[in-house]
Amino acid sequence: MSENAAVIITCAVTGSIHTPTMSPYLPITPEQIVEDAAGAAEAGAAIIHLHARDPQTGKPDQSPDGFARLLPVLKQRTNAVLNLTSGGSPYMQVEERVLPAAVFKPEVASLNMGSINFGLFHLVDRHKQFKFDWEREHLENTRDLVFRNSFRDIEFILQTCSENSTRFEFECYDIGHLYNLRHFLDRGLVKPPLFVQSVFGLLGGIGAHYEDVIHMKRTADRLFGSDYRWSVLGAGRNQMPVAAIAAAMGGNIRVGLEDSLWMGRGRLATSSAEQVRQASKIVEGLGRRVATPDEARKILGLKGGDAVAF
């Protein structure tokens, strides 16, 4: 891994895991998502990782129309790199999940690098009542949910976006996903520098112990050498500890309300920007500095915001 003094902070502002009952600060409507994303960019996030939601119910929405309500406004309000999910929701088929990236041709899209059990059912008992009927079912059904990301699915996303000059945030939830990425690199279907996002602490994937973080980095170093840029996200209470470990090891970090609703034990984060500011303090406390969006574009070899039409 090529280490760089500037740390890329990615911020994922809403995602598809958390439900409206879990936090009054989780952005649901287009206006809320835009405000949270713009605030995160102003706080220092170079990349904004985007999901859309149904503004009435908060359900994940992977339709191009859902993203069309976000992208033009955000492009006007910030210079941050806009990264569109192709993960969508684990309940969606790959053809639905890739639509926003196919339609809008962003600088970056996320790409999950393998199938996993995707457990959220343990969150059900934390809430006596839910605001919307879909929430309990959404969580409870993950007892029997495999988030499918087969080799065919990955190939489909890569081929669909092959002519768009879109690069990828390769989300790796376990060690085997790094080997899957190496497979696609060997076949010439992905090109360096690879932006590898290691995910820690989600039930079904690798844990968030510091030895897990070290193991993931050592494996990526061995597989990719100087051909990748490493970033991490820690789920839930693991967010800031994992970020601090990785930043101290020369990596980049991802925060935001998609990954954690918290700003400390028993205290909900009021915005993604609050988490970005905390992450920035960690970076600067280690004698590193936060990368600007244009620095992130250069580090990751992106096509640039001017090449995006939305």
Protein backbone atom coordinates (compact mmCIF):
# COMPACT_ATOMS: atom_id res chain seq x y z
CA MET A 1 0.00 0.00 0.00
CA SER A 2 1.28 3.41 -0.96
CA GLU A 3 1.04 5.55 2.18
CA ASN A 4 0.14 9.20 1.84
CA ALA A 5 0.30 11.89 4.49
CA ALA A 6 -3.16 13.12 3.49
CA VAL A 7 -6.02 11.00 4.84
CA ILE A 8 -9.15 10.57 2.74
CA ILE A 9 -12.24 10.75 4.92
CA THR A 10 -15.28 9.16 3.33
CA CYS A 11 -18.66 9.86 4.88
CA ALA A 12 -21.65 7.54 4.39
CA VAL A 13 -24.68 9.50 5.49
CA THR A 14 -27.68 7.15 5.55
CA GLY A 15 -27.18 3.66 4.07
CA SER A 16 -29.80 0.89 4.22
CA ILE A 17 -29.04 -0.80 7.54
CA HIS A 18 -30.38 1.59 10.15
CA THR A 19 -34.10 2.31 10.31
CA PRO A 20 -35.92 5.54 11.22
CA THR A 21 -36.84 4.34 14.72
CA MET A 22 -33.18 3.96 15.69
CA SER A 23 -32.31 7.66 15.58
CA PRO A 24 -34.21 10.91 14.99
CA TYR A 25 -31.03 12.21 13.31
CA LEU A 26 -30.89 9.57 10.56
CA PRO A 27 -31.54 11.47 7.30
CA ILE A 28 -34.50 10.10 5.38
CA THR A 29 -35.90 12.74 3.02
CA PRO A 30 -33.89 14.13 0.09
CA GLU A 31 -33.59 17.45 1.89
CA GLN A 32 -32.25 15.78 5.04
CA ILE A 33 -29.79 13.62 3.10
CA VAL A 34 -28.50 16.63 1.16
CA GLU A 35 -28.08 18.70 4.33
CA ASP A 36 -26.28 15.90 6.15
CA ALA A 37 -24.01 15.21 3.16
CA ALA A 38 -23.20 18.88 2.58
CA GLY A 39 -22.45 19.34 6.27
CA ALA A 40 -20.13 16.33 6.24
CA ALA A 41 -18.28 17.72 3.23
CA GLU A 42 -17.91 21.10 4.91
CA ALA A 43 -16.54 19.31 8.00
CA GLY A 44 -13.80 17.68 5.94
CA ALA A 45 -15.15 14.61 4.12
CA ALA A 46 -13.54 14.34 0.69
CA ILE A 47 -15.95 11.60 -0.47
CA ILE A 48 -19.68 11.34 0.20
CA HIS A 49 -21.06 7.79 -0.07
CA LEU A 50 -24.73 8.01 -1.02
CA HIS A 51 -27.85 5.91 -0.62
CA ALA A 52 -31.40 7.14 -1.25
CA ARG A 53 -34.54 6.46 0.78
CA ASP A 54 -38.27 6.69 0.37
CA PRO A 55 -39.06 10.07 1.96
CA GLN A 56 -42.37 8.83 3.37
CA THR A 57 -41.26 5.57 5.02
CA GLY A 58 -37.47 5.69 5.13
CA LYS A 59 -37.15 2.42 3.20
CA PRO A 60 -34.06 2.03 0.99
CA ASP A 61 -34.71 3.33 -2.53
CA GLN A 62 -32.34 2.32 -5.31
CA SER A 63 -34.31 3.94 -8.12
CA PRO A 64 -32.56 6.50 -10.33
CA ASP A 65 -35.35 8.93 -9.42
CA GLY A 66 -34.36 8.64 -5.77
CA PHE A 67 -30.79 9.66 -6.54
CA ALA A 68 -31.87 12.34 -9.02
CA ARG A 69 -33.33 14.22 -6.04
CA LEU A 70 -29.88 14.33 -4.44
CA LEU A 71 -27.14 14.59 -7.03
CA PRO A 72 -27.69 17.93 -8.85
CA VAL A 73 -28.16 19.78 -5.56
CA LEU A 74 -25.11 18.21 -3.96
CA LYS A 75 -22.96 18.90 -7.00
CA GLN A 76 -23.89 22.58 -6.71
CA ARG A 77 -23.27 22.70 -2.97
CA THR A 78 -20.00 20.83 -2.63
CA ASN A 79 -16.84 19.82 -4.47
CA ALA A 80 -16.76 16.47 -2.66
CA VAL A 81 -16.52 13.26 -4.66
CA LEU A 82 -19.98 11.67 -4.86
CA ASN A 83 -19.86 7.90 -4.48
CA LEU A 84 -23.05 5.99 -5.40
CA THR A 85 -23.80 2.67 -3.78
CA SER A 86 -24.20 -0.44 -5.90
CA GLY A 87 -24.86 -2.38 -2.69
CA GLY A 88 -28.27 -0.81 -2.23
CA SER A 89 -30.00 -3.15 0.19
CA PRO A 90 -29.17 -6.84 0.77
CA TYR A 91 -32.74 -7.65 -0.24
CA MET A 92 -32.30 -6.21 -3.76
CA GLN A 93 -31.19 -7.96 -6.95
CA VAL A 94 -27.95 -6.83 -8.58
CA GLU A 95 -29.76 -5.42 -11.63
CA GLU A 96 -31.61 -3.00 -9.34
CA ARG A 97 -28.58 -2.22 -7.23
CA VAL A 98 -26.37 -1.08 -10.11
CA LEU A 99 -28.94 1.23 -11.74
CA PRO A 100 -27.86 4.54 -10.15
CA ALA A 101 -24.20 4.00 -11.11
CA ALA A 102 -25.21 2.94 -14.63
CA VAL A 103 -27.45 5.96 -15.16
CA PHE A 104 -25.41 8.71 -13.51
CA LYS A 105 -21.84 7.48 -14.24
CA PRO A 106 -20.30 8.81 -11.02
CA GLU A 107 -16.63 9.22 -10.22
CA VAL A 108 -16.89 6.38 -7.69
CA ALA A 109 -19.37 3.59 -6.98
CA SER A 110 -19.21 1.06 -4.18
CA LEU A 111 -18.82 -2.63 -5.06
CA ASN A 112 -19.17 -5.45 -2.55
CA MET A 113 -16.55 -8.13 -3.16
CA GLY A 114 -18.29 -11.23 -1.85
CA SER A 115 -21.38 -12.80 -0.33
CA ILE A 116 -21.89 -12.84 3.43
CA ASN A 117 -24.45 -13.61 6.08
CA PHE A 118 -25.83 -10.17 6.93
CA GLY A 119 -27.16 -10.15 10.47
CA LEU A 120 -29.19 -7.25 11.82
CA PHE A 121 -31.76 -9.30 13.76
CA HIS A 122 -29.99 -8.66 17.05
CA LEU A 123 -31.10 -5.02 16.82
CA VAL A 124 -34.81 -5.86 17.05
CA ASP A 125 -34.95 -6.24 20.84
CA ARG A 126 -33.50 -2.79 21.40
CA HIS A 127 -36.80 -1.21 20.34
CA LYS A 128 -40.23 -1.87 21.85
CA GLN A 129 -42.04 -0.19 18.99
CA PHE A 130 -41.16 0.86 15.45
CA LYS A 131 -42.37 3.92 13.55
CA PHE A 132 -43.03 1.96 10.37
CA ASP A 133 -44.28 -1.59 9.79
CA TRP A 134 -41.41 -2.53 7.47
CA GLU A 135 -38.67 -1.94 10.05
CA ARG A 136 -39.17 -5.00 12.27
CA GLU A 137 -39.48 -7.33 9.28
CA HIS A 138 -36.42 -5.76 7.66
CA LEU A 139 -34.31 -6.56 10.72
CA GLU A 140 -35.85 -9.87 11.78
CA ASN A 141 -35.59 -11.45 8.31
CA THR A 142 -31.80 -11.12 8.36
CA ARG A 143 -31.70 -14.31 10.47
CA ASP A 144 -31.98 -16.09 7.12
CA LEU A 145 -30.42 -13.50 4.82
CA VAL A 146 -27.36 -14.01 2.64
CA PHE A 147 -26.20 -10.76 1.03
CA ARG A 148 -25.47 -12.16 -2.40
CA ASN A 149 -22.45 -10.83 -4.25
CA SER A 150 -21.46 -13.72 -6.50
CA PHE A 151 -18.70 -13.65 -9.08
CA ARG A 152 -21.40 -13.22 -11.71
CA ASP A 153 -22.90 -10.28 -9.82
CA ILE A 154 -19.52 -8.57 -9.48
CA GLU A 155 -18.77 -9.14 -13.17
CA PHE A 156 -22.18 -7.70 -14.08
CA ILE A 157 -21.51 -4.47 -12.17
CA LEU A 158 -18.01 -4.14 -13.59
CA GLN A 159 -19.24 -4.73 -17.15
CA THR A 160 -22.22 -2.39 -16.74
CA CYS A 161 -19.93 0.45 -15.64
CA SER A 162 -16.95 -0.45 -17.85
CA GLU A 163 -17.37 2.46 -20.28
CA ASN A 164 -18.21 5.10 -17.68
CA SER A 165 -14.69 5.67 -16.27
CA THR A 166 -16.28 5.03 -12.89
CA ARG A 167 -13.84 3.68 -10.30
CA PHE A 168 -14.85 1.63 -7.30
CA GLU A 169 -14.78 1.59 -3.55
CA PHE A 170 -14.23 -2.18 -3.13
CA GLU A 171 -16.03 -3.11 0.08
CA CYS A 172 -14.38 -6.13 1.70
CA TYR A 173 -16.21 -7.62 4.68
CA ASP A 174 -13.80 -10.51 5.18
CA ILE A 175 -10.41 -11.82 4.13
CA GLY A 176 -11.79 -13.90 1.29
CA HIS A 177 -13.13 -10.75 -0.34
CA LEU A 178 -9.56 -9.51 -0.77
CA TYR A 179 -8.74 -12.70 -2.64
CA ASN A 180 -11.83 -12.19 -4.81
CA LEU A 181 -10.55 -8.72 -5.67
CA ARG A 182 -7.13 -10.16 -6.52
CA HIS A 183 -8.91 -12.57 -8.89
CA PHE A 184 -10.52 -9.69 -10.77
CA LEU A 185 -7.24 -7.78 -10.82
CA ASP A 186 -5.48 -10.80 -12.34
CA ARG A 187 -8.17 -10.99 -15.03
CA GLY A 188 -7.68 -7.31 -15.86
CA LEU A 189 -11.28 -6.41 -15.00
CA VAL A 190 -10.18 -3.86 -12.39
CA LYS A 191 -7.27 -1.47 -12.56
CA PRO A 192 -5.01 0.02 -9.88
CA PRO A 193 -4.93 2.02 -7.78
CA LEU A 194 -7.58 -0.05 -6.02
CA PHE A 195 -9.61 1.73 -3.35
CA VAL A 196 -10.12 -1.03 -0.76
CA GLN A 197 -12.67 -0.35 1.97
CA SER A 198 -12.29 -2.90 4.77
CA VAL A 199 -15.47 -3.36 6.81
CA PHE A 200 -15.19 -4.43 10.46
CA GLY A 201 -17.71 -5.42 13.10
CA LEU A 202 -20.80 -6.34 11.08
CA LEU A 203 -22.41 -9.61 12.18
CA GLY A 204 -21.49 -12.05 9.41
CA GLY A 205 -18.16 -10.44 8.48
CA ILE A 206 -14.75 -10.04 10.08
CA GLY A 207 -14.63 -8.73 13.66
CA ALA A 208 -13.32 -5.39 14.87
CA HIS A 209 -10.48 -6.52 17.15
CA TYR A 210 -7.23 -4.69 16.43
CA GLU A 211 -5.72 -8.00 15.30
CA ASP A 212 -8.50 -8.31 12.72
CA VAL A 213 -7.61 -4.85 11.40
CA ILE A 214 -3.92 -5.76 11.22
CA HIS A 215 -4.70 -9.10 9.55
CA MET A 216 -6.79 -7.38 6.87
CA LYS A 217 -4.04 -4.87 6.11
CA ARG A 218 -1.27 -7.45 6.04
CA THR A 219 -3.25 -9.58 3.62
CA ALA A 220 -4.02 -6.63 1.37
CA ASP A 221 -0.36 -5.56 1.45
CA ARG A 222 0.68 -9.05 0.33
CA LEU A 223 -1.96 -9.28 -2.41
CA PHE A 224 -1.77 -5.74 -3.83
CA GLY A 225 1.52 -4.18 -2.77
CA SER A 226 1.63 -0.54 -3.83
CA ASP A 227 -1.39 -0.96 -6.13
CA TYR A 228 -4.04 -0.11 -3.56
CA ARG A 229 -5.23 2.60 -1.19
CA TRP A 230 -6.61 1.27 2.08
CA SER A 231 -9.59 2.62 3.97
CA VAL A 232 -11.61 1.22 6.86
CA LEU A 233 -15.00 1.48 8.46
CA GLY A 234 -16.03 0.14 11.85
CA ALA A 235 -19.69 -0.68 12.44
CA GLY A 236 -21.50 0.76 15.44
CA ARG A 237 -19.39 1.36 18.53
CA ASN A 238 -16.33 0.18 16.58
CA GLN A 239 -16.36 3.23 14.33
CA MET A 240 -13.81 5.52 15.96
CA PRO A 241 -11.52 2.84 17.47
CA VAL A 242 -11.09 1.17 14.08
CA ALA A 243 -10.61 4.55 12.41
CA ALA A 244 -7.86 5.45 14.88
CA ILE A 245 -6.05 2.11 14.41
CA ALA A 246 -6.12 2.41 10.62
CA ALA A 247 -5.12 6.06 10.52
CA ALA A 248 -2.12 5.24 12.72
CA MET A 249 -1.20 2.49 10.22
CA GLY A 250 -1.23 4.89 7.25
CA GLY A 251 -4.78 4.20 6.09
CA ASN A 252 -7.84 6.23 5.19
CA ILE A 253 -11.14 6.17 7.07
CA ARG A 254 -14.89 6.15 6.60
CA VAL A 255 -17.48 7.43 9.07
CA GLY A 256 -21.11 8.53 8.89
CA LEU A 257 -24.56 7.59 10.14
CA GLU A 258 -24.76 4.65 7.72
CA ASP A 259 -22.02 2.93 9.70
CA SER A 260 -22.75 4.13 13.24
CA LEU A 261 -25.46 6.19 14.90
CA TRP A 262 -23.26 7.00 17.89
CA MET A 263 -20.78 9.59 19.12
CA GLY A 264 -19.82 7.76 22.27
CA ARG A 265 -21.34 5.44 24.81
CA GLY A 266 -25.07 6.16 25.06
CA ARG A 267 -24.91 9.36 22.97
CA LEU A 268 -26.41 9.53 19.51
CA ALA A 269 -24.57 11.50 16.85
CA THR A 270 -26.66 14.46 15.75
CA SER A 271 -25.18 14.45 12.25
CA SER A 272 -22.59 12.78 10.08
CA ALA A 273 -20.61 16.02 10.22
CA GLU A 274 -20.14 15.50 13.95
CA GLN A 275 -18.44 12.17 13.23
CA VAL A 276 -16.31 13.70 10.45
CA ARG A 277 -15.05 16.36 12.84
CA GLN A 278 -14.13 13.69 15.39
CA ALA A 279 -12.34 11.67 12.70
CA SER A 280 -10.45 14.79 11.65
CA LYS A 281 -9.23 15.27 15.22
CA ILE A 282 -7.93 11.70 15.24
CA VAL A 283 -6.09 12.28 11.96
CA GLU A 284 -4.54 15.54 13.05
CA GLY A 285 -3.62 14.13 16.45
CA LEU A 286 -1.52 11.53 14.65
CA GLY A 287 0.41 14.23 12.80
CA ARG A 288 -1.40 13.60 9.51
CA ARG A 289 -3.81 15.87 7.68
CA VAL A 290 -7.21 15.54 6.03
CA ALA A 291 -7.23 15.30 2.23
CA THR A 292 -9.23 17.73 0.14
CA PRO A 293 -11.62 16.37 -2.51
CA ASP A 294 -9.18 17.20 -5.30
CA GLU A 295 -6.36 15.49 -3.43
CA ALA A 296 -8.58 12.43 -3.08
CA ARG A 297 -9.26 12.50 -6.81
CA LYS A 298 -5.53 12.52 -7.51
CA ILE A 299 -4.74 9.75 -4.98
CA LEU A 300 -7.48 7.48 -6.36
CA GLY A 301 -7.06 8.32 -10.05
CA LEU A 302 -10.62 9.61 -10.51
CA LYS A 303 -11.96 11.22 -13.65
CA GLY A 304 -12.91 14.46 -11.86
CA GLY A 305 -16.17 16.16 -11.00
CA ASP A 306 -16.26 18.09 -14.29
CA ALA A 307 -16.60 14.79 -16.15
CA VAL A 308 -19.83 13.94 -14.32
CA ALA A 309 -23.02 15.10 -16.04
CA PHE A 310 -25.57 15.09 -13.18
